[in-house]
Amino acid sequence: MAFFDELKQKVMSGSKQVADKAKEVADTTKLKGQIATEKGKIKDAYSKLGELYYEAHKDETPETEGIAEQLAAITTSLEAIDLYEKEIEKIKEAAAELAAAREAQKQEAAAQAQEAENVVADAVDVVKDLAEAAEDKVEDAANAIKEKVEDVADIVEDKAEDTVEKMKVQKEKFCSHCGKKVSADASFCSSCGNPIA
């Protein structure tokens, strides 16, 4: 059991050392962060101080050695920045013009596509109208042919009936003297004996 107690003491002691070290690192990191923040404030203050000094003395010839070169360097950099910003504006304007031209092309293409769609729709309507007209003409022609066929059939039927009637009349002969019916091939009336004319 002593072994486990001793092991427990070592683990607890090691854990405390790790926790103490972690706290030390955290505190140190926090303090370093605060130092960096303060250094940033100092840098910003130096920068602001430099800007104020530059604005106050840019047109003067400074007496302190090295300041004239720094003022000239700042002026040169400001002029370069101004040129760069103008170039950026030109690039933005060119990009805007290009975007506007692309948008105009896109709208024109859409309008042309719509116009083409309208032309196709109109053509489809014309084809439908022509098909309906052709269908109507075919139907009218079929009806006219049907009527003609019916008329011809009626004429043929009438002619056939006339022919049948004539054949019936021709088959039945009557004696012109006594009026009695005689056979179709008889030369003399079987009733009165007179010749059949």
C-alpha atoms as a PDB file:
ATOM      1  CA  MET A   1       0.000   0.000   0.000  1.00  0.00           C
ATOM      2  CA  ALA A   2       2.848   2.308   0.661  1.00  0.00           C
ATOM      3  CA  PHE A   3       3.780   2.021  -2.992  1.00  0.00           C
ATOM      4  CA  PHE A   4       0.372   3.303  -4.071  1.00  0.00           C
ATOM      5  CA  ASP A   5       0.424   6.106  -1.504  1.00  0.00           C
ATOM      6  CA  GLU A   6       3.848   7.152  -2.685  1.00  0.00           C
ATOM      7  CA  LEU A   7       2.699   6.984  -6.342  1.00  0.00           C
ATOM      8  CA  LYS A   8      -0.339   9.039  -5.451  1.00  0.00           C
ATOM      9  CA  GLN A   9       1.851  11.668  -3.764  1.00  0.00           C
ATOM     10  CA  LYS A  10       4.132  11.834  -6.825  1.00  0.00           C
ATOM     11  CA  VAL A  11       1.195  12.206  -9.222  1.00  0.00           C
ATOM     12  CA  MET A  12      -0.378  14.901  -7.046  1.00  0.00           C
ATOM     13  CA  SER A  13       2.936  16.707  -6.704  1.00  0.00           C
ATOM     14  CA  GLY A  14       3.513  16.498 -10.474  1.00  0.00           C
ATOM     15  CA  SER A  15      -0.023  17.725 -11.171  1.00  0.00           C
ATOM     16  CA  LYS A  16       0.508  20.689  -8.847  1.00  0.00           C
ATOM     17  CA  GLN A  17       3.787  21.524 -10.566  1.00  0.00           C
ATOM     18  CA  VAL A  18       2.086  21.342 -14.001  1.00  0.00           C
ATOM     19  CA  ALA A  19      -0.784  23.537 -12.781  1.00  0.00           C
ATOM     20  CA  ASP A  20       1.681  26.034 -11.284  1.00  0.00           C
ATOM     21  CA  LYS A  21       3.679  26.076 -14.507  1.00  0.00           C
ATOM     22  CA  ALA A  22       0.479  26.532 -16.588  1.00  0.00           C
ATOM     23  CA  LYS A  23      -0.568  29.430 -14.349  1.00  0.00           C
ATOM     24  CA  GLU A  24       2.889  30.952 -14.686  1.00  0.00           C
ATOM     25  CA  VAL A  25       2.757  30.611 -18.505  1.00  0.00           C
ATOM     26  CA  ALA A  26      -0.765  32.057 -18.612  1.00  0.00           C
ATOM     27  CA  ASP A  27       0.195  34.986 -16.393  1.00  0.00           C
ATOM     28  CA  THR A  28       3.344  35.587 -18.430  1.00  0.00           C
ATOM     29  CA  THR A  29       1.404  35.422 -21.702  1.00  0.00           C
ATOM     30  CA  LYS A  30      -1.184  37.834 -20.339  1.00  0.00           C
ATOM     31  CA  LEU A  31       1.510  40.282 -19.261  1.00  0.00           C
ATOM     32  CA  LYS A  32       3.296  39.972 -22.612  1.00  0.00           C
ATOM     33  CA  GLY A  33      -0.034  40.723 -24.317  1.00  0.00           C
ATOM     34  CA  GLN A  34      -0.442  43.820 -22.175  1.00  0.00           C
ATOM     35  CA  ILE A  35       3.130  44.884 -23.010  1.00  0.00           C
ATOM     36  CA  ALA A  36       2.412  44.414 -26.741  1.00  0.00           C
ATOM     37  CA  THR A  37      -0.759  46.486 -26.387  1.00  0.00           C
ATOM     38  CA  GLU A  38       1.182  49.280 -24.705  1.00  0.00           C
ATOM     39  CA  LYS A  39       3.909  49.105 -27.382  1.00  0.00           C
ATOM     40  CA  GLY A  40       1.187  49.367 -30.037  1.00  0.00           C
ATOM     41  CA  LYS A  41      -0.164  52.461 -28.296  1.00  0.00           C
ATOM     42  CA  ILE A  42       3.340  53.963 -28.255  1.00  0.00           C
ATOM     43  CA  LYS A  43       3.798  53.155 -31.956  1.00  0.00           C
ATOM     44  CA  ASP A  44       0.451  54.780 -32.760  1.00  0.00           C
ATOM     45  CA  ALA A  45       1.445  57.823 -30.687  1.00  0.00           C
ATOM     46  CA  TYR A  46       4.807  58.071 -32.499  1.00  0.00           C
ATOM     47  CA  SER A  47       2.978  57.781 -35.796  1.00  0.00           C
ATOM     48  CA  LYS A  48       0.497  60.486 -34.842  1.00  0.00           C
ATOM     49  CA  LEU A  49       3.317  62.653 -33.506  1.00  0.00           C
ATOM     50  CA  GLY A  50       5.185  62.207 -36.785  1.00  0.00           C
ATOM     51  CA  GLU A  51       2.073  63.114 -38.796  1.00  0.00           C
ATOM     52  CA  LEU A  52       1.557  66.239 -36.689  1.00  0.00           C
ATOM     53  CA  TYR A  53       5.223  67.225 -36.996  1.00  0.00           C
ATOM     54  CA  TYR A  54       5.175  66.573 -40.753  1.00  0.00           C
ATOM     55  CA  GLU A  55       2.064  68.724 -41.243  1.00  0.00           C
ATOM     56  CA  ALA A  56       3.547  71.484 -39.108  1.00  0.00           C
ATOM     57  CA  HIS A  57       6.994  71.554 -40.766  1.00  0.00           C
ATOM     58  CA  LYS A  58       6.617  70.127 -44.298  1.00  0.00           C
ATOM     59  CA  ASP A  59       7.133  73.524 -45.949  1.00  0.00           C
ATOM     60  CA  GLU A  60      10.055  74.528 -43.722  1.00  0.00           C
ATOM     61  CA  THR A  61      13.701  73.707 -43.903  1.00  0.00           C
ATOM     62  CA  PRO A  62      14.379  71.887 -40.657  1.00  0.00           C
ATOM     63  CA  GLU A  63      17.504  72.631 -38.636  1.00  0.00           C
ATOM     64  CA  THR A  64      17.847  69.116 -37.228  1.00  0.00           C
ATOM     65  CA  GLU A  65      19.977  66.860 -39.383  1.00  0.00           C
ATOM     66  CA  GLY A  66      18.156  63.897 -41.018  1.00  0.00           C
ATOM     67  CA  ILE A  67      14.684  65.401 -40.641  1.00  0.00           C
ATOM     68  CA  ALA A  68      14.758  66.976 -44.122  1.00  0.00           C
ATOM     69  CA  GLU A  69      15.418  63.554 -45.703  1.00  0.00           C
ATOM     70  CA  GLN A  70      12.577  62.001 -43.731  1.00  0.00           C
ATOM     71  CA  LEU A  71      10.203  64.823 -44.677  1.00  0.00           C
ATOM     72  CA  ALA A  72      11.190  64.419 -48.343  1.00  0.00           C
ATOM     73  CA  ALA A  73      10.746  60.642 -48.121  1.00  0.00           C
ATOM     74  CA  ILE A  74       7.283  61.065 -46.625  1.00  0.00           C
ATOM     75  CA  THR A  75       6.337  63.609 -49.316  1.00  0.00           C
ATOM     76  CA  THR A  76       7.593  61.245 -52.056  1.00  0.00           C
ATOM     77  CA  SER A  77       5.659  58.336 -50.548  1.00  0.00           C
ATOM     78  CA  LEU A  78       2.489  60.429 -50.265  1.00  0.00           C
ATOM     79  CA  GLU A  79       2.817  61.438 -53.934  1.00  0.00           C
ATOM     80  CA  ALA A  80       3.354  57.783 -54.905  1.00  0.00           C
ATOM     81  CA  ILE A  81       0.317  56.750 -52.848  1.00  0.00           C
ATOM     82  CA  ASP A  82      -1.720  59.429 -54.611  1.00  0.00           C
ATOM     83  CA  LEU A  83      -0.613  58.072 -58.019  1.00  0.00           C
ATOM     84  CA  TYR A  84      -1.376  54.496 -56.947  1.00  0.00           C
ATOM     85  CA  GLU A  85      -4.839  55.504 -55.712  1.00  0.00           C
ATOM     86  CA  LYS A  86      -5.507  57.225 -59.053  1.00  0.00           C
ATOM     87  CA  GLU A  87      -4.420  54.043 -60.858  1.00  0.00           C
ATOM     88  CA  ILE A  88      -6.743  52.029 -58.615  1.00  0.00           C
ATOM     89  CA  GLU A  89      -9.597  54.373 -59.541  1.00  0.00           C
ATOM     90  CA  LYS A  90      -8.798  53.929 -63.257  1.00  0.00           C
ATOM     91  CA  ILE A  91      -8.789  50.154 -62.822  1.00  0.00           C
ATOM     92  CA  LYS A  92     -12.108  50.283 -60.935  1.00  0.00           C
ATOM     93  CA  GLU A  93     -13.630  52.516 -63.630  1.00  0.00           C
ATOM     94  CA  ALA A  94     -12.399  50.172 -66.381  1.00  0.00           C
ATOM     95  CA  ALA A  95     -13.786  47.192 -64.459  1.00  0.00           C
ATOM     96  CA  ALA A  96     -17.116  48.995 -64.012  1.00  0.00           C
ATOM     97  CA  GLU A  97     -17.230  49.836 -67.733  1.00  0.00           C
ATOM     98  CA  LEU A  98     -16.409  46.225 -68.592  1.00  0.00           C
ATOM     99  CA  ALA A  99     -19.092  44.970 -66.207  1.00  0.00           C
ATOM    100  CA  ALA A 100     -21.605  47.420 -67.715  1.00  0.00           C
ATOM    101  CA  ALA A 101     -20.663  46.299 -71.236  1.00  0.00           C
ATOM    102  CA  ARG A 102     -21.049  42.649 -70.228  1.00  0.00           C
ATOM    103  CA  GLU A 103     -24.415  43.387 -68.649  1.00  0.00           C
ATOM    104  CA  ALA A 104     -25.514  45.201 -71.800  1.00  0.00           C
ATOM    105  CA  GLN A 105     -24.369  42.232 -73.923  1.00  0.00           C
ATOM    106  CA  LYS A 106     -26.187  39.872 -71.587  1.00  0.00           C
ATOM    107  CA  GLN A 107     -29.385  41.911 -71.845  1.00  0.00           C
ATOM    108  CA  GLU A 108     -29.045  42.144 -75.629  1.00  0.00           C
ATOM    109  CA  ALA A 109     -28.510  38.388 -75.862  1.00  0.00           C
ATOM    110  CA  ALA A 110     -31.563  37.835 -73.657  1.00  0.00           C
ATOM    111  CA  ALA A 111     -33.610  40.184 -75.866  1.00  0.00           C
ATOM    112  CA  GLN A 112     -32.427  38.371 -79.000  1.00  0.00           C
ATOM    113  CA  ALA A 113     -33.239  35.021 -77.427  1.00  0.00           C
ATOM    114  CA  GLN A 114     -36.711  36.313 -76.520  1.00  0.00           C
ATOM    115  CA  GLU A 115     -37.175  37.624 -80.059  1.00  0.00           C
ATOM    116  CA  ALA A 116     -36.091  34.275 -81.498  1.00  0.00           C
ATOM    117  CA  GLU A 117     -38.478  32.513 -79.149  1.00  0.00           C
ATOM    118  CA  ASN A 118     -41.278  34.822 -80.308  1.00  0.00           C
ATOM    119  CA  VAL A 119     -40.424  34.136 -83.967  1.00  0.00           C
ATOM    120  CA  VAL A 120     -40.483  30.403 -83.326  1.00  0.00           C
ATOM    121  CA  ALA A 121     -43.790  30.702 -81.466  1.00  0.00           C
ATOM    122  CA  ASP A 122     -45.234  32.730 -84.364  1.00  0.00           C
ATOM    123  CA  ALA A 123     -43.954  30.143 -86.857  1.00  0.00           C
ATOM    124  CA  VAL A 124     -45.538  27.361 -84.803  1.00  0.00           C
ATOM    125  CA  ASP A 125     -48.826  29.273 -84.815  1.00  0.00           C
ATOM    126  CA  VAL A 126     -48.619  29.737 -88.600  1.00  0.00           C
ATOM    127  CA  VAL A 127     -47.878  26.041 -89.104  1.00  0.00           C
ATOM    128  CA  LYS A 128     -50.804  25.132 -86.841  1.00  0.00           C
ATOM    129  CA  ASP A 129     -53.086  27.495 -88.771  1.00  0.00           C
ATOM    130  CA  LEU A 130     -51.898  26.033 -92.103  1.00  0.00           C
ATOM    131  CA  ALA A 131     -52.390  22.503 -90.789  1.00  0.00           C
ATOM    132  CA  GLU A 132     -55.905  23.360 -89.602  1.00  0.00           C
ATOM    133  CA  ALA A 133     -56.684  25.017 -92.961  1.00  0.00           C
ATOM    134  CA  ALA A 134     -55.302  21.997 -94.826  1.00  0.00           C
ATOM    135  CA  GLU A 135     -57.308  19.689 -92.597  1.00  0.00           C
ATOM    136  CA  ASP A 136     -60.440  21.744 -93.290  1.00  0.00           C
ATOM    137  CA  LYS A 137     -59.760  21.649 -97.055  1.00  0.00           C
ATOM    138  CA  VAL A 138     -59.150  17.907 -96.968  1.00  0.00           C
ATOM    139  CA  GLU A 139     -62.371  17.463 -95.004  1.00  0.00           C
ATOM    140  CA  ASP A 140     -64.258  19.718 -97.455  1.00  0.00           C
ATOM    141  CA  ALA A 141     -62.792  17.805-100.419  1.00  0.00           C
ATOM    142  CA  ALA A 142     -63.677  14.478 -98.792  1.00  0.00           C
ATOM    143  CA  ASN A 143     -67.241  15.702 -98.182  1.00  0.00           C
ATOM    144  CA  ALA A 144     -67.485  16.954-101.794  1.00  0.00           C
ATOM    145  CA  ILE A 145     -66.206  13.617-103.108  1.00  0.00           C
ATOM    146  CA  LYS A 146     -68.617  11.777-100.847  1.00  0.00           C
ATOM    147  CA  GLU A 147     -71.508  13.903-102.146  1.00  0.00           C
ATOM    148  CA  LYS A 148     -70.435  13.296-105.771  1.00  0.00           C
ATOM    149  CA  VAL A 149     -70.147   9.562-105.133  1.00  0.00           C
ATOM    150  CA  GLU A 150     -73.580   9.585-103.521  1.00  0.00           C
ATOM    151  CA  ASP A 151     -74.952  11.561-106.488  1.00  0.00           C
ATOM    152  CA  VAL A 152     -73.368   9.113-108.934  1.00  0.00           C
ATOM    153  CA  ALA A 153     -74.665   6.206-106.880  1.00  0.00           C
ATOM    154  CA  ASP A 154     -78.150   7.752-106.956  1.00  0.00           C
ATOM    155  CA  ILE A 155     -77.892   8.229-110.745  1.00  0.00           C
ATOM    156  CA  VAL A 156     -76.617   4.677-111.227  1.00  0.00           C
ATOM    157  CA  GLU A 157     -79.376   3.371-108.984  1.00  0.00           C
ATOM    158  CA  ASP A 158     -82.014   5.371-110.917  1.00  0.00           C
ATOM    159  CA  LYS A 159     -80.582   4.158-114.240  1.00  0.00           C
ATOM    160  CA  ALA A 160     -80.522   0.612-112.958  1.00  0.00           C
ATOM    161  CA  GLU A 161     -84.122   0.882-111.820  1.00  0.00           C
ATOM    162  CA  ASP A 162     -85.090   2.350-115.231  1.00  0.00           C
ATOM    163  CA  THR A 163     -83.236  -0.428-116.978  1.00  0.00           C
ATOM    164  CA  VAL A 164     -84.886  -3.041-114.832  1.00  0.00           C
ATOM    165  CA  GLU A 165     -88.279  -1.474-115.542  1.00  0.00           C
ATOM    166  CA  LYS A 166     -87.573  -1.421-119.252  1.00  0.00           C
ATOM    167  CA  MET A 167     -86.451  -5.000-119.110  1.00  0.00           C
ATOM    168  CA  LYS A 168     -89.629  -5.899-117.307  1.00  0.00           C
ATOM    169  CA  VAL A 169     -91.646  -4.000-119.868  1.00  0.00           C
ATOM    170  CA  GLN A 170     -89.768  -5.657-122.703  1.00  0.00           C
ATOM    171  CA  LYS A 171     -90.251  -9.102-121.225  1.00  0.00           C
ATOM    172  CA  GLU A 172     -93.974  -8.600-120.914  1.00  0.00           C
ATOM    173  CA  LYS A 173     -95.642  -8.315-124.295  1.00  0.00           C
ATOM    174  CA  PHE A 174     -99.277  -7.601-124.882  1.00  0.00           C
ATOM    175  CA  CYS A 175    -101.401  -8.239-127.917  1.00  0.00           C
ATOM    176  CA  SER A 176    -102.182  -4.989-129.693  1.00  0.00           C
ATOM    177  CA  HIS A 177    -105.562  -6.353-130.839  1.00  0.00           C
ATOM    178  CA  CYS A 178    -107.045  -7.912-127.711  1.00  0.00           C
ATOM    179  CA  GLY A 179    -104.676  -6.563-124.988  1.00  0.00           C
ATOM    180  CA  LYS A 180    -103.901  -9.954-123.516  1.00  0.00           C
ATOM    181  CA  LYS A 181    -100.449 -10.794-122.259  1.00  0.00           C
ATOM    182  CA  VAL A 182     -98.356 -12.899-124.578  1.00  0.00           C
ATOM    183  CA  SER A 183     -94.919 -14.514-124.147  1.00  0.00           C
ATOM    184  CA  ALA A 184     -91.895 -12.479-125.154  1.00  0.00           C
ATOM    185  CA  ASP A 185     -90.958 -14.777-128.036  1.00  0.00           C
ATOM    186  CA  ALA A 186     -94.553 -15.276-129.378  1.00  0.00           C
ATOM    187  CA  SER A 187     -95.255 -14.182-132.926  1.00  0.00           C
ATOM    188  CA  PHE A 188     -99.051 -14.646-132.659  1.00  0.00           C
ATOM    189  CA  CYS A 189    -101.464 -13.918-129.818  1.00  0.00           C
ATOM    190  CA  SER A 190    -102.537 -17.097-128.080  1.00  0.00           C
ATOM    191  CA  SER A 191    -105.934 -15.576-127.302  1.00  0.00           C
ATOM    192  CA  CYS A 192    -107.035 -13.950-130.535  1.00  0.00           C
ATOM    193  CA  GLY A 193    -104.570 -15.458-133.022  1.00  0.00           C
ATOM    194  CA  ASN A 194    -103.554 -12.118-134.537  1.00  0.00           C
ATOM    195  CA  PRO A 195     -99.868 -11.471-135.317  1.00  0.00           C
ATOM    196  CA  ILE A 196     -97.875  -9.667-132.558  1.00  0.00           C
ATOM    197  CA  ALA A 197     -96.395  -6.439-133.752  1.00  0.00           C
END
